[in-house]
Amino acid sequence: MTEDAQQRHHDLRELFNCLRYMIRYGIAWRAMPNDLPPWTAAYQQARRWMEVGCFEAVVHDLRAVLRHANQNFHRKTGLDGGLFITISYHPGYTL
């Protein structure tokens, strides 16, 4: 990236909060409240994250953490059944 490249106008955390808000309340991109960054900035960043596979990586890492937690639970308690936490990712889901 060159020094004269356009810099970010919005914090990545704020853009992620836009994405969380949209998913939580099931709103359209254009219906973002005015106290969040513009919907166009949030949409563009979400597309970039999806193109590089950020969300798939998060799901993969969460599954690994949960698998490890379940193994530790079963090892410490001696229970065969009981706690088993799962998450699922739907690859066909688009924003």
N, C-alpha and C. Protein backbone atom coordinates (compact mmCIF):
# COMPACT_ATOMS: atom_id res chain seq x y z
N MET A 1 0.85 -1.16 0.00
CA MET A 1 0.00 0.00 0.00
C MET A 1 0.90 1.24 0.00
N THR A 2 0.57 2.20 -0.79
CA THR A 2 1.39 3.41 -0.87
C THR A 2 1.00 4.40 0.20
N GLU A 3 1.90 5.35 0.45
CA GLU A 3 1.64 6.34 1.49
C GLU A 3 0.47 7.25 1.16
N ASP A 4 0.23 7.47 -0.13
CA ASP A 4 -0.87 8.36 -0.51
C ASP A 4 -2.22 7.63 -0.63
N ALA A 5 -2.25 6.36 -0.24
CA ALA A 5 -3.50 5.61 -0.28
C ALA A 5 -4.50 6.20 0.71
N GLN A 6 -5.76 6.09 0.37
CA GLN A 6 -6.81 6.63 1.23
C GLN A 6 -6.83 5.88 2.56
N GLN A 7 -6.91 6.63 3.65
CA GLN A 7 -6.91 6.05 4.99
C GLN A 7 -8.33 5.81 5.47
N ARG A 8 -8.45 4.95 6.48
CA ARG A 8 -9.77 4.65 7.05
C ARG A 8 -10.38 5.89 7.70
N HIS A 9 -11.67 6.01 7.52
CA HIS A 9 -12.41 7.10 8.17
C HIS A 9 -13.13 6.60 9.42
N HIS A 10 -13.30 5.26 9.53
CA HIS A 10 -14.06 4.68 10.63
C HIS A 10 -13.26 3.56 11.27
N ASP A 11 -13.35 3.45 12.57
CA ASP A 11 -12.68 2.41 13.32
C ASP A 11 -13.27 1.05 12.94
N LEU A 12 -12.42 0.03 12.82
CA LEU A 12 -12.91 -1.30 12.46
C LEU A 12 -13.89 -1.84 13.51
N ARG A 13 -13.68 -1.50 14.76
CA ARG A 13 -14.60 -1.95 15.81
C ARG A 13 -16.00 -1.39 15.57
N GLU A 14 -16.07 -0.13 15.18
CA GLU A 14 -17.37 0.48 14.90
C GLU A 14 -18.04 -0.18 13.69
N LEU A 15 -17.25 -0.53 12.69
CA LEU A 15 -17.81 -1.20 11.52
C LEU A 15 -18.31 -2.59 11.89
N PHE A 16 -17.58 -3.27 12.76
CA PHE A 16 -18.02 -4.58 13.23
C PHE A 16 -19.30 -4.44 14.06
N ASN A 17 -19.39 -3.38 14.87
CA ASN A 17 -20.61 -3.14 15.63
C ASN A 17 -21.80 -2.91 14.71
N CYS A 18 -21.58 -2.26 13.57
CA CYS A 18 -22.66 -2.10 12.58
C CYS A 18 -23.16 -3.45 12.10
N LEU A 19 -22.23 -4.32 11.81
CA LEU A 19 -22.58 -5.66 11.34
C LEU A 19 -23.36 -6.41 12.41
N ARG A 20 -22.91 -6.34 13.66
CA ARG A 20 -23.61 -6.99 14.76
C ARG A 20 -25.02 -6.42 14.92
N TYR A 21 -25.15 -5.10 14.83
CA TYR A 21 -26.45 -4.45 14.97
C TYR A 21 -27.40 -4.92 13.87
N MET A 22 -26.89 -4.95 12.65
CA MET A 22 -27.73 -5.35 11.52
C MET A 22 -28.22 -6.79 11.68
N ILE A 23 -27.33 -7.67 12.11
CA ILE A 23 -27.70 -9.07 12.28
C ILE A 23 -28.65 -9.25 13.46
N ARG A 24 -28.36 -8.57 14.56
CA ARG A 24 -29.20 -8.72 15.76
C ARG A 24 -30.63 -8.26 15.53
N TYR A 25 -30.79 -7.12 14.87
CA TYR A 25 -32.13 -6.56 14.70
C TYR A 25 -32.75 -6.88 13.34
N GLY A 26 -32.01 -7.55 12.48
CA GLY A 26 -32.55 -7.98 11.19
C GLY A 26 -32.94 -6.83 10.28
N ILE A 27 -32.16 -5.77 10.31
CA ILE A 27 -32.50 -4.60 9.50
C ILE A 27 -31.74 -4.63 8.18
N ALA A 28 -32.18 -3.82 7.25
CA ALA A 28 -31.48 -3.67 5.98
C ALA A 28 -30.27 -2.77 6.18
N TRP A 29 -29.31 -2.87 5.28
CA TRP A 29 -28.10 -2.04 5.38
C TRP A 29 -28.46 -0.56 5.46
N ARG A 30 -29.37 -0.14 4.63
CA ARG A 30 -29.71 1.29 4.56
C ARG A 30 -30.49 1.79 5.78
N ALA A 31 -30.91 0.90 6.64
CA ALA A 31 -31.68 1.29 7.82
C ALA A 31 -30.81 1.46 9.06
N MET A 32 -29.49 1.54 8.88
CA MET A 32 -28.58 1.72 10.03
C MET A 32 -28.90 3.03 10.74
N PRO A 33 -28.86 3.01 12.08
CA PRO A 33 -29.08 4.26 12.82
C PRO A 33 -27.98 5.28 12.53
N ASN A 34 -28.28 6.53 12.76
CA ASN A 34 -27.33 7.60 12.47
C ASN A 34 -26.15 7.65 13.43
N ASP A 35 -26.24 7.00 14.59
CA ASP A 35 -25.13 7.03 15.53
C ASP A 35 -24.04 6.00 15.19
N LEU A 36 -24.26 5.19 14.16
CA LEU A 36 -23.26 4.25 13.66
C LEU A 36 -22.64 4.82 12.39
N PRO A 37 -21.48 4.29 11.98
CA PRO A 37 -20.91 4.74 10.70
C PRO A 37 -21.88 4.50 9.55
N PRO A 38 -21.66 5.15 8.42
CA PRO A 38 -22.56 4.98 7.26
C PRO A 38 -22.64 3.52 6.82
N TRP A 39 -23.81 3.15 6.35
CA TRP A 39 -24.02 1.77 5.95
C TRP A 39 -23.09 1.36 4.83
N THR A 40 -22.72 2.28 3.96
CA THR A 40 -21.83 1.93 2.84
C THR A 40 -20.46 1.50 3.35
N ALA A 41 -19.96 2.18 4.38
CA ALA A 41 -18.66 1.81 4.94
C ALA A 41 -18.74 0.44 5.61
N ALA A 42 -19.82 0.19 6.35
CA ALA A 42 -20.00 -1.10 7.02
C ALA A 42 -20.14 -2.22 5.99
N TYR A 43 -20.91 -1.98 4.95
CA TYR A 43 -21.11 -2.99 3.91
C TYR A 43 -19.80 -3.33 3.20
N GLN A 44 -19.05 -2.30 2.83
CA GLN A 44 -17.77 -2.53 2.14
C GLN A 44 -16.81 -3.34 3.00
N GLN A 45 -16.72 -3.00 4.29
CA GLN A 45 -15.81 -3.74 5.17
C GLN A 45 -16.29 -5.17 5.38
N ALA A 46 -17.60 -5.37 5.52
CA ALA A 46 -18.13 -6.73 5.67
C ALA A 46 -17.82 -7.57 4.44
N ARG A 47 -17.94 -6.98 3.25
CA ARG A 47 -17.59 -7.70 2.02
C ARG A 47 -16.11 -8.08 2.00
N ARG A 48 -15.26 -7.16 2.44
CA ARG A 48 -13.81 -7.46 2.49
C ARG A 48 -13.54 -8.62 3.45
N TRP A 49 -14.18 -8.58 4.63
CA TRP A 49 -13.99 -9.66 5.60
C TRP A 49 -14.47 -10.99 5.04
N MET A 50 -15.60 -10.97 4.32
CA MET A 50 -16.11 -12.22 3.75
C MET A 50 -15.21 -12.74 2.64
N GLU A 51 -14.67 -11.84 1.83
CA GLU A 51 -13.81 -12.27 0.72
C GLU A 51 -12.54 -12.96 1.19
N VAL A 52 -11.99 -12.52 2.32
CA VAL A 52 -10.76 -13.14 2.82
C VAL A 52 -11.02 -14.27 3.81
N GLY A 53 -12.28 -14.57 4.09
CA GLY A 53 -12.63 -15.73 4.92
C GLY A 53 -12.51 -15.50 6.41
N CYS A 54 -12.64 -14.27 6.87
CA CYS A 54 -12.53 -13.98 8.31
C CYS A 54 -13.57 -14.73 9.14
N PHE A 55 -14.80 -14.77 8.67
CA PHE A 55 -15.87 -15.37 9.47
C PHE A 55 -15.72 -16.89 9.52
N GLU A 56 -15.28 -17.49 8.43
CA GLU A 56 -15.02 -18.93 8.45
C GLU A 56 -13.90 -19.26 9.42
N ALA A 57 -12.87 -18.41 9.47
CA ALA A 57 -11.76 -18.62 10.40
C ALA A 57 -12.23 -18.51 11.85
N VAL A 58 -13.10 -17.56 12.13
CA VAL A 58 -13.63 -17.40 13.49
C VAL A 58 -14.42 -18.63 13.89
N VAL A 59 -15.27 -19.13 13.00
CA VAL A 59 -16.06 -20.32 13.30
C VAL A 59 -15.14 -21.52 13.53
N HIS A 60 -14.12 -21.66 12.71
CA HIS A 60 -13.17 -22.76 12.87
C HIS A 60 -12.48 -22.69 14.23
N ASP A 61 -12.02 -21.50 14.60
CA ASP A 61 -11.34 -21.33 15.89
C ASP A 61 -12.28 -21.57 17.06
N LEU A 62 -13.53 -21.10 16.96
CA LEU A 62 -14.50 -21.34 18.02
C LEU A 62 -14.79 -22.83 18.19
N ARG A 63 -14.88 -23.54 17.10
CA ARG A 63 -15.11 -24.99 17.19
C ARG A 63 -13.94 -25.66 17.89
N ALA A 64 -12.72 -25.24 17.59
CA ALA A 64 -11.54 -25.83 18.23
C ALA A 64 -11.56 -25.54 19.73
N VAL A 65 -11.90 -24.32 20.12
CA VAL A 65 -11.97 -23.97 21.54
C VAL A 65 -13.05 -24.78 22.24
N LEU A 66 -14.22 -24.89 21.64
CA LEU A 66 -15.31 -25.65 22.25
C LEU A 66 -14.97 -27.13 22.34
N ARG A 67 -14.31 -27.67 21.32
CA ARG A 67 -13.90 -29.06 21.35
C ARG A 67 -12.95 -29.31 22.52
N HIS A 68 -12.00 -28.39 22.69
CA HIS A 68 -11.05 -28.50 23.79
C HIS A 68 -11.76 -28.38 25.14
N ALA A 69 -12.70 -27.46 25.26
CA ALA A 69 -13.44 -27.28 26.51
C ALA A 69 -14.26 -28.52 26.83
N ASN A 70 -14.88 -29.11 25.82
CA ASN A 70 -15.68 -30.32 26.04
C ASN A 70 -14.79 -31.47 26.49
N GLN A 71 -13.61 -31.61 25.89
CA GLN A 71 -12.69 -32.68 26.29
C GLN A 71 -12.23 -32.49 27.72
N ASN A 72 -11.92 -31.25 28.09
CA ASN A 72 -11.50 -30.98 29.47
C ASN A 72 -12.64 -31.25 30.45
N PHE A 73 -13.85 -30.89 30.07
CA PHE A 73 -15.01 -31.13 30.94
C PHE A 73 -15.18 -32.62 31.18
N HIS A 74 -15.12 -33.40 30.11
CA HIS A 74 -15.32 -34.85 30.24
C HIS A 74 -14.17 -35.48 31.01
N ARG A 75 -12.96 -34.99 30.82
CA ARG A 75 -11.80 -35.53 31.53
C ARG A 75 -11.89 -35.21 33.02
N LYS A 76 -12.27 -34.00 33.37
CA LYS A 76 -12.32 -33.58 34.78
C LYS A 76 -13.50 -34.19 35.53
N THR A 77 -14.63 -34.34 34.87
CA THR A 77 -15.82 -34.83 35.56
C THR A 77 -15.99 -36.33 35.44
N GLY A 78 -15.40 -36.93 34.42
CA GLY A 78 -15.57 -38.36 34.22
C GLY A 78 -16.91 -38.71 33.60
N LEU A 79 -17.67 -37.70 33.19
CA LEU A 79 -18.97 -37.95 32.57
C LEU A 79 -18.80 -38.21 31.08
N ASP A 80 -19.54 -39.17 30.57
CA ASP A 80 -19.47 -39.45 29.14
C ASP A 80 -20.42 -38.57 28.34
N GLY A 81 -21.56 -38.26 28.90
CA GLY A 81 -22.54 -37.43 28.22
C GLY A 81 -22.53 -36.04 28.80
N GLY A 82 -23.66 -35.40 28.75
CA GLY A 82 -23.76 -34.10 29.40
C GLY A 82 -23.43 -32.95 28.49
N LEU A 83 -22.45 -32.19 28.89
CA LEU A 83 -22.15 -30.94 28.20
C LEU A 83 -21.56 -31.20 26.82
N PHE A 84 -22.23 -30.71 25.83
CA PHE A 84 -21.68 -30.72 24.48
C PHE A 84 -22.23 -29.50 23.78
N ILE A 85 -21.36 -28.56 23.50
CA ILE A 85 -21.76 -27.30 22.91
C ILE A 85 -21.37 -27.32 21.44
N THR A 86 -22.29 -26.90 20.60
CA THR A 86 -21.98 -26.86 19.17
C THR A 86 -22.34 -25.49 18.61
N ILE A 87 -21.69 -25.15 17.54
CA ILE A 87 -22.06 -23.98 16.75
C ILE A 87 -22.10 -24.42 15.31
N SER A 88 -22.85 -23.72 14.53
CA SER A 88 -22.92 -24.08 13.12
C SER A 88 -22.74 -22.84 12.27
N TYR A 89 -22.20 -23.06 11.11
CA TYR A 89 -21.99 -22.01 10.14
C TYR A 89 -22.70 -22.42 8.87
N HIS A 90 -23.45 -21.50 8.30
CA HIS A 90 -24.19 -21.79 7.09
C HIS A 90 -23.50 -21.09 5.92
N PRO A 91 -22.72 -21.82 5.12
CA PRO A 91 -21.94 -21.18 4.05
C PRO A 91 -22.80 -20.49 2.99
N GLY A 92 -24.04 -20.83 2.88
CA GLY A 92 -24.90 -20.21 1.89
C GLY A 92 -25.45 -18.86 2.34
N TYR A 93 -25.24 -18.50 3.60
CA TYR A 93 -25.78 -17.26 4.14
C TYR A 93 -24.97 -16.09 3.63
N THR A 94 -25.63 -15.09 3.12
CA THR A 94 -24.95 -13.89 2.64
C THR A 94 -25.55 -12.67 3.31
N LEU A 95 -24.75 -11.63 3.37
CA LEU A 95 -25.21 -10.38 3.98
C LEU A 95 -25.92 -9.53 2.97
